[in-house]
């Protein structure tokens, strides 16, 4: 322990807890308002999107995979993006992703 820095073992700090509501600046209301938090989830991919069609075309035939397929992952956690919803105007804002193993939203 150096200069008051407390190091916890990795198995103790796997989950981060957050309140369901925050007071945060709303760009539409132009003031601090109460905002609820949720975790952003990616929507369903479109099968006929241009990128998906192009990737399928590259994979087709005897050439094999265009890019090497990932055998094992290097990271132990994923980036979680938070979605804030203003209680007054229902404007949704996002916060840049932060690397956490698990996020627990408390009521």
Protein backbone atom coordinates (compact mmCIF):
# COMPACT_ATOMS: atom_id res chain seq x y z
CA UNK A 1 0.00 0.00 0.00
CA UNK A 2 1.63 3.20 -1.21
CA UNK A 3 0.32 6.75 -0.61
CA UNK A 4 -3.06 5.51 0.62
CA UNK A 5 -3.92 3.52 -2.53
CA UNK A 6 -5.93 0.43 -1.63
CA UNK A 7 -5.54 -2.50 -4.01
CA UNK A 8 -8.38 -5.03 -3.92
CA UNK A 9 -8.10 -8.55 -5.32
CA UNK A 10 -9.71 -8.90 -8.77
CA UNK A 11 -12.40 -11.31 -7.55
CA UNK A 12 -13.85 -8.64 -5.20
CA UNK A 13 -14.36 -5.83 -7.76
CA UNK A 14 -16.15 -7.60 -10.62
CA UNK A 15 -19.48 -5.76 -10.30
CA UNK A 16 -20.06 -2.00 -10.28
CA UNK A 17 -23.23 -0.67 -8.66
CA UNK A 18 -25.04 2.46 -9.89
CA UNK A 19 -28.21 4.29 -8.92
CA UNK A 20 -31.18 4.07 -11.31
CA UNK A 21 -31.62 7.87 -11.35
CA UNK A 22 -29.02 10.63 -11.67
CA UNK A 23 -29.12 14.40 -11.74
CA UNK A 24 -27.39 15.26 -14.99
CA UNK A 25 -27.33 18.14 -17.50
CA UNK A 26 -29.99 17.82 -20.23
CA UNK A 27 -28.99 19.58 -23.49
CA UNK A 28 -32.65 20.10 -24.53
CA UNK A 29 -33.92 21.50 -21.19
CA UNK A 30 -30.58 23.37 -20.71
CA UNK A 31 -30.59 22.60 -16.98
CA UNK A 32 -29.78 19.74 -14.61
CA UNK A 33 -32.68 17.28 -14.44
CA UNK A 34 -33.33 13.84 -13.00
CA UNK A 35 -32.42 11.20 -15.55
CA UNK A 36 -32.91 7.45 -15.50
CA UNK A 37 -30.14 5.07 -16.58
CA UNK A 38 -30.31 1.98 -18.76
CA UNK A 39 -27.68 -0.10 -20.54
CA UNK A 40 -27.59 0.42 -24.32
CA UNK A 41 -28.23 -2.71 -26.36
CA UNK A 42 -27.39 -3.08 -30.03
CA UNK A 43 -30.30 -3.60 -32.42
CA UNK A 44 -30.74 -6.58 -34.73
CA UNK A 45 -28.47 -6.68 -37.80
CA UNK A 46 -30.13 -6.37 -41.21
CA UNK A 47 -29.30 -9.34 -43.44
CA UNK A 48 -29.54 -7.32 -46.64
CA UNK A 49 -27.36 -4.40 -45.51
CA UNK A 50 -24.57 -3.57 -47.97
CA UNK A 51 -21.77 -4.45 -45.55
CA UNK A 52 -23.34 -7.84 -44.72
CA UNK A 53 -23.78 -8.66 -48.42
CA UNK A 54 -20.21 -7.63 -49.19
CA UNK A 55 -18.83 -9.72 -46.31
CA UNK A 56 -20.87 -12.77 -47.41
CA UNK A 57 -19.53 -12.35 -50.95
CA UNK A 58 -15.93 -12.25 -49.68
CA UNK A 59 -16.44 -15.43 -47.59
CA UNK A 60 -18.02 -17.37 -50.47
CA UNK A 61 -16.00 -19.87 -52.51
CA UNK A 62 -12.61 -21.44 -51.98
CA UNK A 63 -10.84 -18.27 -50.78
CA UNK A 64 -11.90 -18.83 -47.19
CA UNK A 65 -12.27 -16.10 -44.57
CA UNK A 66 -11.33 -12.57 -45.64
CA UNK A 67 -10.02 -11.70 -42.17
CA UNK A 68 -8.63 -14.27 -39.73
CA UNK A 69 -11.31 -15.68 -37.43
CA UNK A 70 -10.75 -14.85 -33.76
CA UNK A 71 -9.56 -17.93 -31.87
CA UNK A 72 -9.48 -16.45 -28.35
CA UNK A 73 -10.29 -13.04 -26.94
CA UNK A 74 -7.64 -10.85 -25.36
CA UNK A 75 -9.99 -8.80 -23.18
CA UNK A 76 -11.76 -10.07 -20.05
CA UNK A 77 -14.48 -7.38 -20.09
CA UNK A 78 -16.62 -5.49 -22.59
CA UNK A 79 -17.33 -1.78 -22.87
CA UNK A 80 -20.78 -0.83 -21.56
CA UNK A 81 -22.54 2.24 -22.98
CA UNK A 82 -25.01 4.01 -20.68
CA UNK A 83 -28.24 5.54 -21.99
CA UNK A 84 -29.68 8.45 -19.98
CA UNK A 85 -33.37 9.42 -20.37
CA UNK A 86 -34.54 12.86 -19.15
CA UNK A 87 -37.69 12.71 -16.98
CA UNK A 88 -38.98 16.09 -18.26
CA UNK A 89 -38.52 15.95 -22.03
CA UNK A 90 -37.70 12.23 -22.64
CA UNK A 91 -34.49 13.20 -24.51
CA UNK A 92 -32.05 10.30 -24.57
CA UNK A 93 -28.31 10.90 -24.34
CA UNK A 94 -25.49 8.38 -24.37
CA UNK A 95 -22.29 8.25 -22.36
CA UNK A 96 -19.08 6.90 -23.86
CA UNK A 97 -18.49 3.25 -23.09
CA UNK A 98 -16.56 2.26 -19.98
CA UNK A 99 -14.87 -1.08 -19.46
CA UNK A 100 -16.68 -3.03 -16.72
CA UNK A 101 -17.25 -6.75 -16.26
CA UNK A 102 -20.76 -6.27 -14.87
CA UNK A 103 -22.93 -3.24 -14.11
CA UNK A 104 -25.71 -3.49 -11.54
CA UNK A 105 -28.38 -0.77 -11.59
CA UNK A 106 -29.99 -0.33 -8.17
CA UNK A 107 -33.52 1.11 -7.70
